[in-house]
Amino acid sequence: MRHERMETLVRQLLDLGYHSGQVKQIIDEAAKEAKESDNPETWIIDSLESYILFAAKCRKNGRLC
């Protein structure tokens, strides 16, 4: 289920205008930070969600961030 959630979030980021390389970098950075975590998938999901919120906020304000 978490894998499906990550795939959905990745698609949302791509739809918001992120490039695949940027999404990969987001995931790689979150995975590095999550190494010592008990639940790295949750860490990655949280990171992806925060980028989506940021992009949505930028779009709402009509700016590029």
PDB file of N, CA and C in Angstrom:
ATOM      1  N   MET A   1       0.820  -1.199   0.000  1.00  0.00           N
ATOM      2  CA  MET A   1       0.000   0.000   0.000  1.00  0.00           C
ATOM      3  C   MET A   1       0.866   1.266   0.000  1.00  0.00           C
ATOM      4  N   ARG A   2       1.919   1.266   0.780  1.00  0.00           N
ATOM      5  CA  ARG A   2       2.786   2.446   0.819  1.00  0.00           C
ATOM      6  C   ARG A   2       3.443   2.692  -0.528  1.00  0.00           C
ATOM      7  N   HIS A   3       3.783   1.594  -1.202  1.00  0.00           N
ATOM      8  CA  HIS A   3       4.392   1.734  -2.524  1.00  0.00           C
ATOM      9  C   HIS A   3       3.422   2.421  -3.487  1.00  0.00           C
ATOM     10  N   GLU A   4       2.156   2.034  -3.416  1.00  0.00           N
ATOM     11  CA  GLU A   4       1.137   2.666  -4.265  1.00  0.00           C
ATOM     12  C   GLU A   4       0.996   4.149  -3.921  1.00  0.00           C
ATOM     13  N   ARG A   5       1.070   4.466  -2.639  1.00  0.00           N
ATOM     14  CA  ARG A   5       0.976   5.868  -2.209  1.00  0.00           C
ATOM     15  C   ARG A   5       2.146   6.667  -2.775  1.00  0.00           C
ATOM     16  N   MET A   6       3.342   6.093  -2.726  1.00  0.00           N
ATOM     17  CA  MET A   6       4.509   6.785  -3.275  1.00  0.00           C
ATOM     18  C   MET A   6       4.352   7.015  -4.777  1.00  0.00           C
ATOM     19  N   GLU A   7       3.849   6.028  -5.487  1.00  0.00           N
ATOM     20  CA  GLU A   7       3.640   6.180  -6.923  1.00  0.00           C
ATOM     21  C   GLU A   7       2.639   7.297  -7.212  1.00  0.00           C
ATOM     22  N   THR A   8       1.576   7.365  -6.431  1.00  0.00           N
ATOM     23  CA  THR A   8       0.581   8.420  -6.596  1.00  0.00           C
ATOM     24  C   THR A   8       1.198   9.789  -6.356  1.00  0.00           C
ATOM     25  N   LEU A   9       2.008   9.904  -5.312  1.00  0.00           N
ATOM     26  CA  LEU A   9       2.647  11.181  -4.996  1.00  0.00           C
ATOM     27  C   LEU A   9       3.642  11.594  -6.083  1.00  0.00           C
ATOM     28  N   VAL A  10       4.366  10.638  -6.613  1.00  0.00           N
ATOM     29  CA  VAL A  10       5.312  10.929  -7.698  1.00  0.00           C
ATOM     30  C   VAL A  10       4.549  11.455  -8.914  1.00  0.00           C
ATOM     31  N   ARG A  11       3.443  10.814  -9.256  1.00  0.00           N
ATOM     32  CA  ARG A  11       2.635  11.293 -10.390  1.00  0.00           C
ATOM     33  C   ARG A  11       2.126  12.709 -10.143  1.00  0.00           C
ATOM     34  N   GLN A  12       1.714  12.992  -8.907  1.00  0.00           N
ATOM     35  CA  GLN A  12       1.238  14.337  -8.582  1.00  0.00           C
ATOM     36  C   GLN A  12       2.350  15.368  -8.756  1.00  0.00           C
ATOM     37  N   LEU A  13       3.552  15.037  -8.311  1.00  0.00           N
ATOM     38  CA  LEU A  13       4.673  15.966  -8.471  1.00  0.00           C
ATOM     39  C   LEU A  13       4.978  16.208  -9.947  1.00  0.00           C
ATOM     40  N   LEU A  14       4.939  15.161 -10.739  1.00  0.00           N
ATOM     41  CA  LEU A  14       5.175  15.313 -12.174  1.00  0.00           C
ATOM     42  C   LEU A  14       4.088  16.181 -12.803  1.00  0.00           C
ATOM     43  N   ASP A  15       2.849  15.982 -12.382  1.00  0.00           N
ATOM     44  CA  ASP A  15       1.740  16.787 -12.886  1.00  0.00           C
ATOM     45  C   ASP A  15       1.858  18.256 -12.475  1.00  0.00           C
ATOM     46  N   LEU A  16       2.501  18.491 -11.336  1.00  0.00           N
ATOM     47  CA  LEU A  16       2.692  19.863 -10.856  1.00  0.00           C
ATOM     48  C   LEU A  16       3.875  20.560 -11.528  1.00  0.00           C
ATOM     49  N   GLY A  17       4.596  19.827 -12.371  1.00  0.00           N
ATOM     50  CA  GLY A  17       5.674  20.444 -13.134  1.00  0.00           C
ATOM     51  C   GLY A  17       7.079  20.062 -12.728  1.00  0.00           C
ATOM     52  N   TYR A  18       7.215  19.202 -11.736  1.00  0.00           N
ATOM     53  CA  TYR A  18       8.553  18.732 -11.378  1.00  0.00           C
ATOM     54  C   TYR A  18       9.059  17.796 -12.471  1.00  0.00           C
ATOM     55  N   HIS A  19      10.350  17.815 -12.708  1.00  0.00           N
ATOM     56  CA  HIS A  19      10.966  16.911 -13.674  1.00  0.00           C
ATOM     57  C   HIS A  19      11.299  15.602 -12.973  1.00  0.00           C
ATOM     58  N   SER A  20      11.388  14.536 -13.729  1.00  0.00           N
ATOM     59  CA  SER A  20      11.646  13.218 -13.132  1.00  0.00           C
ATOM     60  C   SER A  20      12.960  13.210 -12.345  1.00  0.00           C
ATOM     61  N   GLY A  21      13.957  13.931 -12.824  1.00  0.00           N
ATOM     62  CA  GLY A  21      15.225  14.012 -12.098  1.00  0.00           C
ATOM     63  C   GLY A  21      15.074  14.697 -10.757  1.00  0.00           C
ATOM     64  N   GLN A  22      14.222  15.710 -10.712  1.00  0.00           N
ATOM     65  CA  GLN A  22      13.973  16.401  -9.449  1.00  0.00           C
ATOM     66  C   GLN A  22      13.270  15.477  -8.460  1.00  0.00           C
ATOM     67  N   VAL A  23      12.308  14.719  -8.949  1.00  0.00           N
ATOM     68  CA  VAL A  23      11.575  13.790  -8.083  1.00  0.00           C
ATOM     69  C   VAL A  23      12.528  12.723  -7.552  1.00  0.00           C
ATOM     70  N   LYS A  24      13.402  12.228  -8.410  1.00  0.00           N
ATOM     71  CA  LYS A  24      14.387  11.237  -7.978  1.00  0.00           C
ATOM     72  C   LYS A  24      15.284  11.818  -6.894  1.00  0.00           C
ATOM     73  N   GLN A  25      15.685  13.063  -7.053  1.00  0.00           N
ATOM     74  CA  GLN A  25      16.535  13.710  -6.059  1.00  0.00           C
ATOM     75  C   GLN A  25      15.799  13.861  -4.718  1.00  0.00           C
ATOM     76  N   ILE A  26      14.535  14.223  -4.777  1.00  0.00           N
ATOM     77  CA  ILE A  26      13.723  14.344  -3.561  1.00  0.00           C
ATOM     78  C   ILE A  26      13.685  13.000  -2.830  1.00  0.00           C
ATOM     79  N   ILE A  27      13.445  11.934  -3.583  1.00  0.00           N
ATOM     80  CA  ILE A  27      13.366  10.599  -2.990  1.00  0.00           C
ATOM     81  C   ILE A  27      14.726  10.174  -2.429  1.00  0.00           C
ATOM     82  N   ASP A  28      15.795  10.420  -3.190  1.00  0.00           N
ATOM     83  CA  ASP A  28      17.134  10.050  -2.725  1.00  0.00           C
ATOM     84  C   ASP A  28      17.515  10.780  -1.440  1.00  0.00           C
ATOM     85  N   GLU A  29      17.220  12.069  -1.379  1.00  0.00           N
ATOM     86  CA  GLU A  29      17.536  12.845  -0.175  1.00  0.00           C
ATOM     87  C   GLU A  29      16.722  12.351   1.024  1.00  0.00           C
ATOM     88  N   ALA A  30      15.448  12.066   0.803  1.00  0.00           N
ATOM     89  CA  ALA A  30      14.605  11.563   1.890  1.00  0.00           C
ATOM     90  C   ALA A  30      15.095  10.189   2.355  1.00  0.00           C
ATOM     91  N   ALA A  31      15.520   9.358   1.415  1.00  0.00           N
ATOM     92  CA  ALA A  31      16.010   8.027   1.770  1.00  0.00           C
ATOM     93  C   ALA A  31      17.291   8.119   2.598  1.00  0.00           C
ATOM     94  N   LYS A  32      18.171   9.057   2.251  1.00  0.00           N
ATOM     95  CA  LYS A  32      19.396   9.248   3.037  1.00  0.00           C
ATOM     96  C   LYS A  32      19.066   9.682   4.458  1.00  0.00           C
ATOM     97  N   GLU A  33      18.120  10.598   4.587  1.00  0.00           N
ATOM     98  CA  GLU A  33      17.722  11.072   5.914  1.00  0.00           C
ATOM     99  C   GLU A  33      17.027   9.977   6.713  1.00  0.00           C
ATOM    100  N   ALA A  34      16.362   9.085   6.013  1.00  0.00           N
ATOM    101  CA  ALA A  34      15.561   8.049   6.675  1.00  0.00           C
ATOM    102  C   ALA A  34      16.369   6.811   7.051  1.00  0.00           C
ATOM    103  N   LYS A  35      17.638   6.764   6.690  1.00  0.00           N
ATOM    104  CA  LYS A  35      18.430   5.560   6.940  1.00  0.00           C
ATOM    105  C   LYS A  35      18.347   5.078   8.376  1.00  0.00           C
ATOM    106  N   GLU A  36      18.343   5.994   9.308  1.00  0.00           N
ATOM    107  CA  GLU A  36      18.324   5.611  10.712  1.00  0.00           C
ATOM    108  C   GLU A  36      16.902   5.510  11.273  1.00  0.00           C
ATOM    109  N   SER A  37      15.929   5.734  10.425  1.00  0.00           N
ATOM    110  CA  SER A  37      14.532   5.693  10.845  1.00  0.00           C
ATOM    111  C   SER A  37      14.026   4.254  10.878  1.00  0.00           C
ATOM    112  N   ASP A  38      13.031   4.023  11.714  1.00  0.00           N
ATOM    113  CA  ASP A  38      12.408   2.707  11.761  1.00  0.00           C
ATOM    114  C   ASP A  38      11.506   2.462  10.556  1.00  0.00           C
ATOM    115  N   ASN A  39      11.078   3.550   9.926  1.00  0.00           N
ATOM    116  CA  ASN A  39      10.140   3.426   8.820  1.00  0.00           C
ATOM    117  C   ASN A  39      10.513   4.376   7.683  1.00  0.00           C
ATOM    118  N   PRO A  40      11.484   4.007   6.858  1.00  0.00           N
ATOM    119  CA  PRO A  40      11.944   4.908   5.798  1.00  0.00           C
ATOM    120  C   PRO A  40      10.877   5.246   4.764  1.00  0.00           C
ATOM    121  N   GLU A  41       9.961   4.317   4.500  1.00  0.00           N
ATOM    122  CA  GLU A  41       8.920   4.608   3.511  1.00  0.00           C
ATOM    123  C   GLU A  41       8.040   5.761   3.968  1.00  0.00           C
ATOM    124  N   THR A  42       7.713   5.792   5.234  1.00  0.00           N
ATOM    125  CA  THR A  42       6.906   6.888   5.767  1.00  0.00           C
ATOM    126  C   THR A  42       7.659   8.204   5.643  1.00  0.00           C
ATOM    127  N   TRP A  43       8.944   8.173   5.883  1.00  0.00           N
ATOM    128  CA  TRP A  43       9.788   9.362   5.767  1.00  0.00           C
ATOM    129  C   TRP A  43       9.745   9.891   4.329  1.00  0.00           C
ATOM    130  N   ILE A  44       9.859   9.005   3.367  1.00  0.00           N
ATOM    131  CA  ILE A  44       9.833   9.402   1.954  1.00  0.00           C
ATOM    132  C   ILE A  44       8.457   9.956   1.584  1.00  0.00           C
ATOM    133  N   ILE A  45       7.411   9.293   2.024  1.00  0.00           N
ATOM    134  CA  ILE A  45       6.048   9.761   1.743  1.00  0.00           C
ATOM    135  C   ILE A  45       5.837  11.152   2.319  1.00  0.00           C
ATOM    136  N   ASP A  46       6.272  11.369   3.550  1.00  0.00           N
ATOM    137  CA  ASP A  46       6.140  12.688   4.168  1.00  0.00           C
ATOM    138  C   ASP A  46       6.882  13.757   3.374  1.00  0.00           C
ATOM    139  N   SER A  47       8.052  13.410   2.880  1.00  0.00           N
ATOM    140  CA  SER A  47       8.837  14.353   2.090  1.00  0.00           C
ATOM    141  C   SER A  47       8.129  14.689   0.778  1.00  0.00           C
ATOM    142  N   LEU A  48       7.633  13.680   0.092  1.00  0.00           N
ATOM    143  CA  LEU A  48       6.914  13.907  -1.162  1.00  0.00           C
ATOM    144  C   LEU A  48       5.680  14.774  -0.930  1.00  0.00           C
ATOM    145  N   GLU A  49       4.961  14.489   0.144  1.00  0.00           N
ATOM    146  CA  GLU A  49       3.762  15.272   0.459  1.00  0.00           C
ATOM    147  C   GLU A  49       4.108  16.733   0.748  1.00  0.00           C
ATOM    148  N   SER A  50       5.229  16.972   1.401  1.00  0.00           N
ATOM    149  CA  SER A  50       5.602  18.357   1.701  1.00  0.00           C
ATOM    150  C   SER A  50       5.930  19.128   0.424  1.00  0.00           C
ATOM    151  N   TYR A  51       6.550  18.464  -0.547  1.00  0.00           N
ATOM    152  CA  TYR A  51       6.827  19.127  -1.819  1.00  0.00           C
ATOM    153  C   TYR A  51       5.533  19.422  -2.581  1.00  0.00           C
ATOM    154  N   ILE A  52       4.575  18.525  -2.484  1.00  0.00           N
ATOM    155  CA  ILE A  52       3.281  18.743  -3.139  1.00  0.00           C
ATOM    156  C   ILE A  52       2.574  19.942  -2.515  1.00  0.00           C
ATOM    157  N   LEU A  53       2.577  20.022  -1.198  1.00  0.00           N
ATOM    158  CA  LEU A  53       1.958  21.160  -0.522  1.00  0.00           C
ATOM    159  C   LEU A  53       2.632  22.471  -0.919  1.00  0.00           C
ATOM    160  N   PHE A  54       3.953  22.455  -1.003  1.00  0.00           N
ATOM    161  CA  PHE A  54       4.701  23.639  -1.396  1.00  0.00           C
ATOM    162  C   PHE A  54       4.322  24.077  -2.818  1.00  0.00           C
ATOM    163  N   ALA A  55       4.289  23.123  -3.736  1.00  0.00           N
ATOM    164  CA  ALA A  55       3.950  23.442  -5.121  1.00  0.00           C
ATOM    165  C   ALA A  55       2.517  23.943  -5.239  1.00  0.00           C
ATOM    166  N   ALA A  56       1.613  23.335  -4.491  1.00  0.00           N
ATOM    167  CA  ALA A  56       0.217  23.770  -4.528  1.00  0.00           C
ATOM    168  C   ALA A  56       0.075  25.182  -3.985  1.00  0.00           C
ATOM    169  N   LYS A  57       0.811  25.498  -2.935  1.00  0.00           N
ATOM    170  CA  LYS A  57       0.777  26.849  -2.361  1.00  0.00           C
ATOM    171  C   LYS A  57       1.307  27.866  -3.375  1.00  0.00           C
ATOM    172  N   CYS A  58       2.350  27.528  -4.077  1.00  0.00           N
ATOM    173  CA  CYS A  58       2.900  28.423  -5.094  1.00  0.00           C
ATOM    174  C   CYS A  58       1.896  28.655  -6.217  1.00  0.00           C
ATOM    175  N   ARG A  59       1.264  27.587  -6.651  1.00  0.00           N
ATOM    176  CA  ARG A  59       0.269  27.717  -7.720  1.00  0.00           C
ATOM    177  C   ARG A  59      -0.909  28.566  -7.281  1.00  0.00           C
ATOM    178  N   LYS A  60      -1.326  28.393  -6.034  1.00  0.00           N
ATOM    179  CA  LYS A  60      -2.458  29.150  -5.503  1.00  0.00           C
ATOM    180  C   LYS A  60      -2.148  30.648  -5.509  1.00  0.00           C
ATOM    181  N   ASN A  61      -0.908  30.984  -5.205  1.00  0.00           N
ATOM    182  CA  ASN A  61      -0.498  32.383  -5.180  1.00  0.00           C
ATOM    183  C   ASN A  61      -0.126  32.907  -6.567  1.00  0.00           C
ATOM    184  N   GLY A  62      -0.189  32.039  -7.567  1.00  0.00           N
ATOM    185  CA  GLY A  62       0.088  32.446  -8.942  1.00  0.00           C
ATOM    186  C   GLY A  62       1.538  32.764  -9.223  1.00  0.00           C
ATOM    187  N   ARG A  63       2.431  32.125  -8.481  1.00  0.00           N
ATOM    188  CA  ARG A  63       3.855  32.383  -8.671  1.00  0.00           C
ATOM    189  C   ARG A  63       4.585  31.079  -8.927  1.00  0.00           C
ATOM    190  N   LEU A  64       5.772  31.254  -9.443  1.00  0.00           N
ATOM    191  CA  LEU A  64       6.706  30.140  -9.506  1.00  0.00           C
ATOM    192  C   LEU A  64       7.603  30.232  -8.298  1.00  0.00           C
ATOM    193  N   CYS A  65       7.804  29.149  -7.630  1.00  0.00           N
ATOM    194  CA  CYS A  65       8.653  29.166  -6.428  1.00  0.00           C
ATOM    195  C   CYS A  65       9.969  28.486  -6.699  1.00  0.00           C
TER     196      CYS A  65
END
